[in-house]
Full PDB file with SEQRES, HELIX, SHEET, SSBOND, CRYST1, ORIGX, SCALE, CONECT and MASTER records, all heavy atoms in Angstrom:
SEQRES   1 A   42  ILE VAL GLU VAL VAL LYS SER LEU PRO GLU VAL GLU GLY          
SEQRES   2 A   42  ILE SER VAL ARG TYR THR SER SER GLY THR LEU GLU TYR          
SEQRES   3 A   42  GLY TYR GLN THR LYS VAL ARG SER SER ASP LYS SER GLU          
SEQRES   4 A   42  SER ALA GLY                                                  
HELIX    1 AA1 VAL A    2  LYS A    6  1                                   5    
HELIX    2 AA2 TYR A   28  THR A   30  5                                   3    
SHEET    1 AA1 2 LEU A  24  TYR A  26  0                                        
SHEET    2 AA1 2 GLU A  39  ALA A  41 -1                                        
CRYST1    1.000    1.000    1.000  90.00  90.00  90.00 P 1           1          
ORIGX1      1.000000  0.000000  0.000000        0.00000                         
ORIGX2      0.000000  1.000000  0.000000        0.00000                         
ORIGX3      0.000000  0.000000  1.000000        0.00000                         
SCALE1      1.000000  0.000000  0.000000        0.00000                         
SCALE2      0.000000  1.000000  0.000000        0.00000                         
SCALE3      0.000000  0.000000  1.000000        0.00000                         
ATOM      1  N   ILE A   1     115.202  17.935 175.701  1.00  0.00           N  
ATOM      2  CA  ILE A   1     116.409  17.424 176.365  1.00  0.00           C  
ATOM      3  C   ILE A   1     117.086  18.541 177.139  1.00  0.00           C  
ATOM      4  O   ILE A   1     117.520  18.359 178.290  1.00  0.00           O  
ATOM      5  CB  ILE A   1     117.379  16.809 175.331  1.00  0.00           C  
ATOM      6  CG1 ILE A   1     116.746  15.547 174.742  1.00  0.00           C  
ATOM      7  CG2 ILE A   1     118.717  16.481 175.991  1.00  0.00           C  
ATOM      8  CD1 ILE A   1     117.538  14.979 173.573  1.00  0.00           C  
ATOM      9  N   VAL A   2     117.181  19.715 176.550  1.00  0.00           N  
ATOM     10  CA  VAL A   2     117.830  20.846 177.192  1.00  0.00           C  
ATOM     11  C   VAL A   2     117.077  21.229 178.480  1.00  0.00           C  
ATOM     12  O   VAL A   2     117.690  21.496 179.520  1.00  0.00           O  
ATOM     13  CB  VAL A   2     117.904  22.057 176.251  1.00  0.00           C  
ATOM     14  CG1 VAL A   2     118.336  23.329 176.989  1.00  0.00           C  
ATOM     15  CG2 VAL A   2     118.905  21.761 175.114  1.00  0.00           C  
ATOM     16  N   GLU A   3     115.752  21.224 178.410  1.00  0.00           N  
ATOM     17  CA  GLU A   3     114.969  21.568 179.615  1.00  0.00           C  
ATOM     18  C   GLU A   3     115.167  20.537 180.711  1.00  0.00           C  
ATOM     19  O   GLU A   3     115.277  20.885 181.912  1.00  0.00           O  
ATOM     20  CB  GLU A   3     113.479  21.670 179.260  1.00  0.00           C  
ATOM     21  CG  GLU A   3     113.128  22.873 178.399  1.00  0.00           C  
ATOM     22  CD  GLU A   3     113.572  24.178 179.030  1.00  0.00           C  
ATOM     23  OE1 GLU A   3     113.326  24.364 180.243  1.00  0.00           O  
ATOM     24  OE2 GLU A   3     114.193  24.988 178.333  1.00  0.00           O  
ATOM     25  N   VAL A   4     115.233  19.265 180.339  1.00  0.00           N  
ATOM     26  CA  VAL A   4     115.487  18.217 181.341  1.00  0.00           C  
ATOM     27  C   VAL A   4     116.864  18.394 181.994  1.00  0.00           C  
ATOM     28  O   VAL A   4     117.030  18.320 183.180  1.00  0.00           O  
ATOM     29  CB  VAL A   4     115.389  16.808 180.702  1.00  0.00           C  
ATOM     30  CG1 VAL A   4     115.920  15.746 181.619  1.00  0.00           C  
ATOM     31  CG2 VAL A   4     113.941  16.501 180.309  1.00  0.00           C  
ATOM     32  N   VAL A   5     117.857  18.663 181.145  1.00  0.00           N  
ATOM     33  CA  VAL A   5     119.219  18.856 181.663  1.00  0.00           C  
ATOM     34  C   VAL A   5     119.265  20.057 182.605  1.00  0.00           C  
ATOM     35  O   VAL A   5     119.882  20.014 183.688  1.00  0.00           O  
ATOM     36  CB  VAL A   5     120.218  19.046 180.508  1.00  0.00           C  
ATOM     37  CG1 VAL A   5     121.592  19.489 181.039  1.00  0.00           C  
ATOM     38  CG2 VAL A   5     120.344  17.762 179.691  1.00  0.00           C  
ATOM     39  N   LYS A   6     118.620  21.161 182.234  1.00  0.00           N  
ATOM     40  CA  LYS A   6     118.638  22.350 183.058  1.00  0.00           C  
ATOM     41  C   LYS A   6     117.909  22.149 184.377  1.00  0.00           C  
ATOM     42  O   LYS A   6     118.150  22.902 185.338  1.00  0.00           O  
ATOM     43  CB  LYS A   6     118.020  23.492 182.296  1.00  0.00           C  
ATOM     44  CG  LYS A   6     118.897  24.069 181.175  1.00  0.00           C  
ATOM     45  CD  LYS A   6     118.221  25.248 180.503  1.00  0.00           C  
ATOM     46  CE  LYS A   6     119.135  25.880 179.461  1.00  0.00           C  
ATOM     47  NZ  LYS A   6     118.523  27.026 178.774  1.00  0.00           N  
ATOM     48  N   SER A   7     117.040  21.150 184.447  1.00  0.00           N  
ATOM     49  CA  SER A   7     116.318  20.905 185.704  1.00  0.00           C  
ATOM     50  C   SER A   7     117.187  20.204 186.722  1.00  0.00           C  
ATOM     51  O   SER A   7     116.814  20.079 187.883  1.00  0.00           O  
ATOM     52  CB  SER A   7     115.064  20.053 185.431  1.00  0.00           C  
ATOM     53  OG  SER A   7     115.408  18.704 185.067  1.00  0.00           O  
ATOM     54  N   LEU A   8     118.360  19.734 186.287  1.00  0.00           N  
ATOM     55  CA  LEU A   8     119.284  19.086 187.207  1.00  0.00           C  
ATOM     56  C   LEU A   8     120.074  20.142 187.974  1.00  0.00           C  
ATOM     57  O   LEU A   8     120.810  20.935 187.379  1.00  0.00           O  
ATOM     58  CB  LEU A   8     120.303  18.212 186.420  1.00  0.00           C  
ATOM     59  CG  LEU A   8     120.059  16.710 186.331  1.00  0.00           C  
ATOM     60  CD1 LEU A   8     121.035  16.124 185.317  1.00  0.00           C  
ATOM     61  CD2 LEU A   8     120.250  16.061 187.664  1.00  0.00           C  
ATOM     62  N   PRO A   9     119.935  20.211 189.289  1.00  0.00           N  
ATOM     63  CA  PRO A   9     120.683  21.219 190.071  1.00  0.00           C  
ATOM     64  C   PRO A   9     122.183  21.028 190.018  1.00  0.00           C  
ATOM     65  O   PRO A   9     122.952  21.946 190.304  1.00  0.00           O  
ATOM     66  CB  PRO A   9     120.121  21.051 191.491  1.00  0.00           C  
ATOM     67  CG  PRO A   9     119.587  19.643 191.525  1.00  0.00           C  
ATOM     68  CD  PRO A   9     119.066  19.374 190.147  1.00  0.00           C  
ATOM     69  N   GLU A  10     122.603  19.829 189.634  1.00  0.00           N  
ATOM     70  CA  GLU A  10     124.045  19.531 189.578  1.00  0.00           C  
ATOM     71  C   GLU A  10     124.719  20.045 188.300  1.00  0.00           C  
ATOM     72  O   GLU A  10     125.942  19.958 188.161  1.00  0.00           O  
ATOM     73  CB  GLU A  10     124.292  18.021 189.699  1.00  0.00           C  
ATOM     74  CG  GLU A  10     123.865  17.413 190.996  1.00  0.00           C  
ATOM     75  CD  GLU A  10     122.399  17.001 191.014  1.00  0.00           C  
ATOM     76  OE1 GLU A  10     121.714  17.254 189.993  1.00  0.00           O  
ATOM     77  OE2 GLU A  10     121.911  16.444 192.018  1.00  0.00           O  
ATOM     78  N   VAL A  11     123.935  20.585 187.378  1.00  0.00           N  
ATOM     79  CA  VAL A  11     124.487  21.054 186.118  1.00  0.00           C  
ATOM     80  C   VAL A  11     125.108  22.441 186.268  1.00  0.00           C  
ATOM     81  O   VAL A  11     124.517  23.364 186.805  1.00  0.00           O  
ATOM     82  CB  VAL A  11     123.401  21.098 185.015  1.00  0.00           C  
ATOM     83  CG1 VAL A  11     123.887  21.836 183.796  1.00  0.00           C  
ATOM     84  CG2 VAL A  11     122.994  19.671 184.638  1.00  0.00           C  
ATOM     85  N   GLU A  12     126.341  22.555 185.758  1.00  0.00           N  
ATOM     86  CA  GLU A  12     127.060  23.824 185.802  1.00  0.00           C  
ATOM     87  C   GLU A  12     126.988  24.560 184.480  1.00  0.00           C  
ATOM     88  O   GLU A  12     127.082  25.802 184.450  1.00  0.00           O  
ATOM     89  CB  GLU A  12     128.537  23.547 186.182  1.00  0.00           C  
ATOM     90  CG  GLU A  12     129.285  24.757 186.674  1.00  0.00           C  
ATOM     91  CD  GLU A  12     130.604  24.376 187.291  1.00  0.00           C  
ATOM     92  OE1 GLU A  12     130.619  24.090 188.520  1.00  0.00           O  
ATOM     93  OE2 GLU A  12     131.646  24.341 186.595  1.00  0.00           O  
ATOM     94  N   GLY A  13     126.869  23.821 183.383  1.00  0.00           N  
ATOM     95  CA  GLY A  13     126.769  24.472 182.083  1.00  0.00           C  
ATOM     96  C   GLY A  13     126.317  23.497 181.008  1.00  0.00           C  
ATOM     97  O   GLY A  13     126.456  22.267 181.173  1.00  0.00           O  
ATOM     98  N   ILE A  14     125.738  24.014 179.929  1.00  0.00           N  
ATOM     99  CA  ILE A  14     125.306  23.172 178.836  1.00  0.00           C  
ATOM    100  C   ILE A  14     125.555  23.928 177.527  1.00  0.00           C  
ATOM    101  O   ILE A  14     125.256  25.115 177.427  1.00  0.00           O  
ATOM    102  CB  ILE A  14     123.812  22.804 178.974  1.00  0.00           C  
ATOM    103  CG1 ILE A  14     123.335  22.001 177.753  1.00  0.00           C  
ATOM    104  CG2 ILE A  14     122.944  24.012 179.204  1.00  0.00           C  
ATOM    105  CD1 ILE A  14     121.929  21.438 177.896  1.00  0.00           C  
ATOM    106  N   SER A  15     126.126  23.231 176.547  1.00  0.00           N  
ATOM    107  CA  SER A  15     126.377  23.823 175.239  1.00  0.00           C  
ATOM    108  C   SER A  15     125.702  22.975 174.168  1.00  0.00           C  
ATOM    109  O   SER A  15     125.938  21.774 174.056  1.00  0.00           O  
ATOM    110  CB  SER A  15     127.875  23.907 174.960  1.00  0.00           C  
ATOM    111  OG  SER A  15     128.098  24.474 173.666  1.00  0.00           O  
ATOM    112  N   VAL A  16     124.847  23.643 173.395  1.00  0.00           N  
ATOM    113  CA  VAL A  16     124.156  23.001 172.263  1.00  0.00           C  
ATOM    114  C   VAL A  16     124.869  23.404 171.000  1.00  0.00           C  
ATOM    115  O   VAL A  16     125.025  24.589 170.712  1.00  0.00           O  
ATOM    116  CB  VAL A  16     122.674  23.454 172.232  1.00  0.00           C  
ATOM    117  CG1 VAL A  16     121.968  22.840 171.007  1.00  0.00           C  
ATOM    118  CG2 VAL A  16     121.952  23.092 173.505  1.00  0.00           C  
ATOM    119  N   ARG A  17     125.350  22.427 170.221  1.00  0.00           N  
ATOM    120  CA  ARG A  17     126.130  22.706 169.054  1.00  0.00           C  
ATOM    121  C   ARG A  17     125.503  22.179 167.771  1.00  0.00           C  
ATOM    122  O   ARG A  17     124.849  21.148 167.790  1.00  0.00           O  
ATOM    123  CB  ARG A  17     127.538  22.069 169.184  1.00  0.00           C  
ATOM    124  CG  ARG A  17     128.318  22.472 170.423  1.00  0.00           C  
ATOM    125  CD  ARG A  17     129.555  21.652 170.570  1.00  0.00           C  
ATOM    126  NE  ARG A  17     130.312  21.888 171.824  1.00  0.00           N  
ATOM    127  CZ  ARG A  17     130.984  20.989 172.453  1.00  0.00           C  
ATOM    128  NH1 ARG A  17     131.056  19.740 171.986  1.00  0.00           N  
ATOM    129  NH2 ARG A  17     131.613  21.282 173.575  1.00  0.00           N  
ATOM    130  N   TYR A  18     125.712  22.921 166.703  1.00  0.00           N  
ATOM    131  CA  TYR A  18     125.239  22.535 165.363  1.00  0.00           C  
ATOM    132  C   TYR A  18     126.475  22.402 164.464  1.00  0.00           C  
ATOM    133  O   TYR A  18     127.356  23.281 164.492  1.00  0.00           O  
ATOM    134  CB  TYR A  18     124.306  23.608 164.793  1.00  0.00           C  
ATOM    135  CG  TYR A  18     123.103  23.881 165.689  1.00  0.00           C  
ATOM    136  CD1 TYR A  18     123.174  24.772 166.728  1.00  0.00           C  
ATOM    137  CD2 TYR A  18     121.899  23.201 165.493  1.00  0.00           C  
ATOM    138  CE1 TYR A  18     122.107  25.019 167.571  1.00  0.00           C  
ATOM    139  CE2 TYR A  18     120.809  23.430 166.308  1.00  0.00           C  
ATOM    140  CZ  TYR A  18     120.903  24.345 167.347  1.00  0.00           C  
ATOM    141  OH  TYR A  18     119.833  24.560 168.179  1.00  0.00           O  
ATOM    142  N   THR A  19     126.556  21.326 163.721  1.00  0.00           N  
ATOM    143  CA  THR A  19     127.784  21.082 162.940  1.00  0.00           C  
ATOM    144  C   THR A  19     127.482  20.741 161.489  1.00  0.00           C  
ATOM    145  O   THR A  19     126.435  20.210 161.119  1.00  0.00           O  
ATOM    146  CB  THR A  19     128.600  19.948 163.535  1.00  0.00           C  
ATOM    147  OG1 THR A  19     127.866  18.707 163.457  1.00  0.00           O  
ATOM    148  CG2 THR A  19     128.955  20.218 165.006  1.00  0.00           C  
ATOM    149  N   SER A  20     128.487  21.027 160.639  1.00  0.00           N  
ATOM    150  CA  SER A  20     128.455  20.701 159.227  1.00  0.00           C  
ATOM    151  C   SER A  20     129.859  20.842 158.704  1.00  0.00           C  
ATOM    152  O   SER A  20     130.697  21.495 159.309  1.00  0.00           O  
ATOM    153  CB  SER A  20     127.490  21.607 158.442  1.00  0.00           C  
ATOM    154  OG  SER A  20     127.404  21.206 157.113  1.00  0.00           O  
ATOM    155  N   SER A  21     130.145  20.233 157.592  1.00  0.00           N  
ATOM    156  CA  SER A  21     131.480  20.395 156.954  1.00  0.00           C  
ATOM    157  C   SER A  21     131.571  21.788 156.347  1.00  0.00           C  
ATOM    158  O   SER A  21     130.633  22.247 155.679  1.00  0.00           O  
ATOM    159  CB  SER A  21     131.700  19.336 155.863  1.00  0.00           C  
ATOM    160  OG  SER A  21     131.715  18.042 156.447  1.00  0.00           O  
ATOM    161  N   GLY A  22     132.685  22.441 156.571  1.00  0.00           N  
ATOM    162  CA  GLY A  22     132.880  23.796 156.026  1.00  0.00           C  
ATOM    163  C   GLY A  22     134.302  23.992 155.516  1.00  0.00           C  
ATOM    164  O   GLY A  22     135.215  23.237 155.856  1.00  0.00           O  
ATOM    165  N   THR A  23     134.467  24.984 154.677  1.00  0.00           N  
ATOM    166  CA  THR A  23     135.755  25.305 154.115  1.00  0.00           C  
ATOM    167  C   THR A  23     136.034  26.812 154.181  1.00  0.00           C  
ATOM    168  O   THR A  23     135.105  27.607 153.927  1.00  0.00           O  
ATOM    169  CB  THR A  23     135.874  24.856 152.638  1.00  0.00           C  
ATOM    170  OG1 THR A  23     135.593  23.456 152.552  1.00  0.00           O  
ATOM    171  CG2 THR A  23     137.257  25.140 152.066  1.00  0.00           C  
ATOM    172  N   LEU A  24     137.242  27.187 154.533  1.00  0.00           N  
ATOM    173  CA  LEU A  24     137.671  28.596 154.520  1.00  0.00           C  
ATOM    174  C   LEU A  24     138.633  28.784 153.379  1.00  0.00           C  
ATOM    175  O   LEU A  24     139.527  27.955 153.139  1.00  0.00           O  
ATOM    176  CB  LEU A  24     138.337  28.957 155.833  1.00  0.00           C  
ATOM    177  CG  LEU A  24     137.484  28.935 157.106  1.00  0.00           C  
ATOM    178  CD1 LEU A  24     138.357  29.221 158.332  1.00  0.00           C  
ATOM    179  CD2 LEU A  24     136.357  29.942 157.002  1.00  0.00           C  
ATOM    180  N   GLU A  25     138.494  29.906 152.675  1.00  0.00           N  
ATOM    181  CA  GLU A  25     139.370  30.240 151.549  1.00  0.00           C  
ATOM    182  C   GLU A  25     139.933  31.628 151.745  1.00  0.00           C  
ATOM    183  O   GLU A  25     139.223  32.564 152.056  1.00  0.00           O  
ATOM    184  CB  GLU A  25     138.591  30.146 150.231  1.00  0.00           C  
ATOM    185  CG  GLU A  25     139.441  30.302 148.995  1.00  0.00           C  
ATOM    186  CD  GLU A  25     138.589  30.251 147.732  1.00  0.00           C  
ATOM    187  OE1 GLU A  25     137.359  30.131 147.842  1.00  0.00           O  
ATOM    188  OE2 GLU A  25     139.211  30.315 146.630  1.00  0.00           O  
ATOM    189  N   TYR A  26     141.251  31.751 151.546  1.00  0.00           N  
ATOM    190  CA  TYR A  26     141.930  33.037 151.721  1.00  0.00           C  
ATOM    191  C   TYR A  26     142.711  33.359 150.453  1.00  0.00           C  
ATOM    192  O   TYR A  26     143.332  32.499 149.858  1.00  0.00           O  
ATOM    193  CB  TYR A  26     142.895  32.975 152.909  1.00  0.00           C  
ATOM    194  CG  TYR A  26     143.700  34.238 153.118  1.00  0.00           C  
ATOM    195  CD1 TYR A  26     143.066  35.435 153.507  1.00  0.00           C  
ATOM    196  CD2 TYR A  26     145.068  34.247 152.905  1.00  0.00           C  
ATOM    197  CE1 TYR A  26     143.802  36.594 153.687  1.00  0.00           C  
ATOM    198  CE2 TYR A  26     145.807  35.412 153.109  1.00  0.00           C  
ATOM    199  CZ  TYR A  26     145.167  36.578 153.504  1.00  0.00           C  
ATOM    200  OH  TYR A  26     145.885  37.743 153.691  1.00  0.00           O  
ATOM    201  N   GLY A  27     142.649  34.639 150.047  1.00  0.00           N  
ATOM    202  CA  GLY A  27     143.359  35.066 148.828  1.00  0.00           C  
ATOM    203  C   GLY A  27     142.542  34.938 147.589  1.00  0.00           C  
ATOM    204  O   GLY A  27     143.054  35.119 146.469  1.00  0.00           O  
ATOM    205  N   TYR A  28     141.258  34.637 147.717  1.00  0.00           N  
ATOM    206  CA  TYR A  28     140.421  34.468 146.557  1.00  0.00           C  
ATOM    207  C   TYR A  28     140.181  35.784 145.789  1.00  0.00           C  
ATOM    208  O   TYR A  28     139.894  35.800 144.607  1.00  0.00           O  
ATOM    209  CB  TYR A  28     139.053  33.881 146.986  1.00  0.00           C  
ATOM    210  CG  TYR A  28     138.346  34.693 148.040  1.00  0.00           C  
ATOM    211  CD1 TYR A  28     137.464  35.697 147.716  1.00  0.00           C  
ATOM    212  CD2 TYR A  28     138.611  34.471 149.394  1.00  0.00           C  
ATOM    213  CE1 TYR A  28     136.845  36.440 148.683  1.00  0.00           C  
ATOM    214  CE2 TYR A  28     137.980  35.214 150.364  1.00  0.00           C  
ATOM    215  CZ  TYR A  28     137.110  36.212 150.017  1.00  0.00           C  
ATOM    216  OH  TYR A  28     136.478  36.966 150.977  1.00  0.00           O  
ATOM    217  N   GLN A  29     140.367  36.922 146.498  1.00  0.00           N  
ATOM    218  CA  GLN A  29     140.108  38.234 145.852  1.00  0.00           C  
ATOM    219  C   GLN A  29     141.124  38.542 144.772  1.00  0.00           C  
ATOM    220  O   GLN A  29     140.841  39.297 143.851  1.00  0.00           O  
ATOM    221  CB  GLN A  29     140.171  39.330 146.933  1.00  0.00           C  
ATOM    222  CG  GLN A  29     139.184  39.169 148.072  1.00  0.00           C  
ATOM    223  CD  GLN A  29     139.862  38.539 149.288  1.00  0.00           C  
ATOM    224  OE1 GLN A  29     140.754  37.718 149.142  1.00  0.00           O  
ATOM    225  NE2 GLN A  29     139.437  38.945 150.481  1.00  0.00           N  
ATOM    226  N   THR A  30     142.310  37.954 144.869  1.00  0.00           N  
ATOM    227  CA  THR A  30     143.382  38.272 143.929  1.00  0.00           C  
ATOM    228  C   THR A  30     143.510  37.237 142.788  1.00  0.00           C  
ATOM    229  O   THR A  30     144.417  37.332 141.964  1.00  0.00           O  
ATOM    230  CB  THR A  30     144.735  38.351 144.654  1.00  0.00           C  
ATOM    231  OG1 THR A  30     145.008  37.072 145.290  1.00  0.00           O  
ATOM    232  CG2 THR A  30     144.713  39.448 145.704  1.00  0.00           C  
ATOM    233  N   LYS A  31     142.612  36.284 142.753  1.00  0.00           N  
ATOM    234  CA  LYS A  31     142.647  35.279 141.671  1.00  0.00           C  
ATOM    235  C   LYS A  31     142.282  35.925 140.341  1.00  0.00           C  
ATOM    236  O   LYS A  31     141.329  36.637 140.236  1.00  0.00           O  
ATOM    237  CB  LYS A  31     141.688  34.127 141.977  1.00  0.00           C  
ATOM    238  CG  LYS A  31     142.112  33.258 143.163  1.00  0.00           C  
ATOM    239  CD  LYS A  31     141.028  32.244 143.540  1.00  0.00           C  
ATOM    240  CE  LYS A  31     140.701  31.292 142.429  1.00  0.00           C  
ATOM    241  NZ  LYS A  31     139.756  30.250 142.865  1.00  0.00           N  
ATOM    242  N   VAL A  32     143.126  35.666 139.335  1.00  0.00           N  
ATOM    243  CA  VAL A  32     142.914  36.200 138.012  1.00  0.00           C  
ATOM    244  C   VAL A  32     142.065  35.233 137.187  1.00  0.00           C  
ATOM    245  O   VAL A  32     141.156  35.629 136.458  1.00  0.00           O  
ATOM    246  CB  VAL A  32     144.247  36.479 137.287  1.00  0.00           C  
ATOM    247  CG1 VAL A  32     144.000  36.957 135.856  1.00  0.00           C  
ATOM    248  CG2 VAL A  32     145.079  37.487 138.078  1.00  0.00           C  
ATOM    249  N   ARG A  33     142.393  33.937 137.302  1.00  0.00           N  
ATOM    250  CA  ARG A  33     141.648  32.921 136.589  1.00  0.00           C  
ATOM    251  C   ARG A  33     140.964  31.981 137.573  1.00  0.00           C  
ATOM    252  O   ARG A  33     141.467  31.804 138.706  1.00  0.00           O  
ATOM    253  CB  ARG A  33     142.590  32.124 135.661  1.00  0.00           C  
ATOM    254  CG  ARG A  33     143.232  32.960 134.549  1.00  0.00           C  
ATOM    255  CD  ARG A  33     144.224  32.118 133.766  1.00  0.00           C  
ATOM    256  NE  ARG A  33     145.330  31.699 134.602  1.00  0.00           N  
ATOM    257  CZ  ARG A  33     146.401  32.440 134.797  1.00  0.00           C  
ATOM    258  NH1 ARG A  33     146.518  33.647 134.219  1.00  0.00           N  
ATOM    259  NH2 ARG A  33     147.395  32.007 135.571  1.00  0.00           N  
ATOM    260  N   SER A  34     139.907  31.362 137.161  1.00  0.00           N  
ATOM    261  CA  SER A  34     139.182  30.444 138.066  1.00  0.00           C  
ATOM    262  C   SER A  34     140.053  29.250 138.409  1.00  0.00           C  
ATOM    263  O   SER A  34     139.843  28.602 139.447  1.00  0.00           O  
ATOM    264  CB  SER A  34     137.884  29.961 137.373  1.00  0.00           C  
ATOM    265  OG  SER A  34     138.178  29.289 136.150  1.00  0.00           O  
ATOM    266  N   SER A  35     141.043  28.964 137.586  1.00  0.00           N  
ATOM    267  CA  SER A  35     141.927  27.811 137.845  1.00  0.00           C  
ATOM    268  C   SER A  35     143.046  28.180 138.841  1.00  0.00           C  
ATOM    269  O   SER A  35     143.739  27.283 139.315  1.00  0.00           O  
ATOM    270  CB  SER A  35     142.552  27.319 136.531  1.00  0.00           C  
ATOM    271  OG  SER A  35     143.280  28.364 135.908  1.00  0.00           O  
ATOM    272  N   ASP A  36     143.228  29.461 139.130  1.00  0.00           N  
ATOM    273  CA  ASP A  36     144.239  29.872 140.097  1.00  0.00           C  
ATOM    274  C   ASP A  36     143.898  29.316 141.482  1.00  0.00           C  
ATOM    275  O   ASP A  36     142.728  29.321 141.890  1.00  0.00           O  
ATOM    276  CB  ASP A  36     144.338  31.398 140.157  1.00  0.00           C  
ATOM    277  CG  ASP A  36     144.923  31.981 138.906  1.00  0.00           C  
ATOM    278  OD1 ASP A  36     145.519  31.237 138.118  1.00  0.00           O  
ATOM    279  OD2 ASP A  36     144.779  33.206 138.721  1.00  0.00           O  
ATOM    280  N   LYS A  37     144.929  28.866 142.201  1.00  0.00           N  
ATOM    281  CA  LYS A  37     144.699  28.303 143.514  1.00  0.00           C  
ATOM    282  C   LYS A  37     144.823  29.363 144.594  1.00  0.00           C  
ATOM    283  O   LYS A  37     145.620  30.281 144.493  1.00  0.00           O  
ATOM    284  CB  LYS A  37     145.710  27.152 143.789  1.00  0.00           C  
ATOM    285  CG  LYS A  37     145.548  25.960 142.893  1.00  0.00           C  
ATOM    286  CD  LYS A  37     146.454  24.830 143.347  1.00  0.00           C  
ATOM    287  CE  LYS A  37     146.054  24.295 144.691  1.00  0.00           C  
ATOM    288  NZ  LYS A  37     146.853  23.116 145.114  1.00  0.00           N  
ATOM    289  N   SER A  38     143.987  29.232 145.604  1.00  0.00           N  
ATOM    290  CA  SER A  38     144.091  30.110 146.773  1.00  0.00           C  
ATOM    291  C   SER A  38     144.224  29.198 147.990  1.00  0.00           C  
ATOM    292  O   SER A  38     144.014  28.010 147.931  1.00  0.00           O  
ATOM    293  CB  SER A  38     142.847  31.000 146.893  1.00  0.00           C  
ATOM    294  OG  SER A  38     141.668  30.227 146.914  1.00  0.00           O  
ATOM    295  N   GLU A  39     144.576  29.790 149.118  1.00  0.00           N  
ATOM    296  CA  GLU A  39     144.711  29.019 150.365  1.00  0.00           C  
ATOM    297  C   GLU A  39     143.327  28.527 150.790  1.00  0.00           C  
ATOM    298  O   GLU A  39     142.358  29.270 150.725  1.00  0.00           O  
ATOM    299  CB  GLU A  39     145.300  29.872 151.474  1.00  0.00           C  
ATOM    300  CG  GLU A  39     146.704  30.367 151.238  1.00  0.00           C  
ATOM    301  CD  GLU A  39     147.173  31.222 152.402  1.00  0.00           C  
ATOM    302  OE1 GLU A  39     146.627  31.089 153.508  1.00  0.00           O  
ATOM    303  OE2 GLU A  39     148.090  32.022 152.180  1.00  0.00           O  
ATOM    304  N   SER A  40     143.247  27.313 151.271  1.00  0.00           N  
ATOM    305  CA  SER A  40     141.955  26.809 151.801  1.00  0.00           C  
ATOM    306  C   SER A  40     142.235  25.833 152.930  1.00  0.00           C  
ATOM    307  O   SER A  40     143.259  25.171 152.970  1.00  0.00           O  
ATOM    308  CB  SER A  40     141.136  26.175 150.703  1.00  0.00           C  
ATOM    309  OG  SER A  40     141.754  25.019 150.197  1.00  0.00           O  
ATOM    310  N   ALA A  41     141.272  25.759 153.805  1.00  0.00           N  
ATOM    311  CA  ALA A  41     141.330  24.800 154.917  1.00  0.00           C  
ATOM    312  C   ALA A  41     139.921  24.318 155.204  1.00  0.00           C  
ATOM    313  O   ALA A  41     138.993  25.124 155.298  1.00  0.00           O  
ATOM    314  CB  ALA A  41     141.966  25.441 156.153  1.00  0.00           C  
ATOM    315  N   GLY A  42     139.768  23.024 155.355  1.00  0.00           N  
ATOM    316  CA  GLY A  42     138.454  22.460 155.653  1.00  0.00           C  
ATOM    317  C   GLY A  42     138.393  21.973 157.091  1.00  0.00           C  
ATOM    318  O   GLY A  42     139.376  21.505 157.655  1.00  0.00           O  
TER     319      GLY A  42                                                      
MASTER        0    0    0    2    2    0    0    6  318    1    0    4          
END                                                                             
């Protein structure tokens, strides 16, 4: 598909993306117990 798209002279740019669900956690280094909460964003 990418090769076909690139063969079009009218194309200015193409971005191929890979996605999955992910989570970021901040402050985990200072947790004393596993039950302690840290900042997170999904």
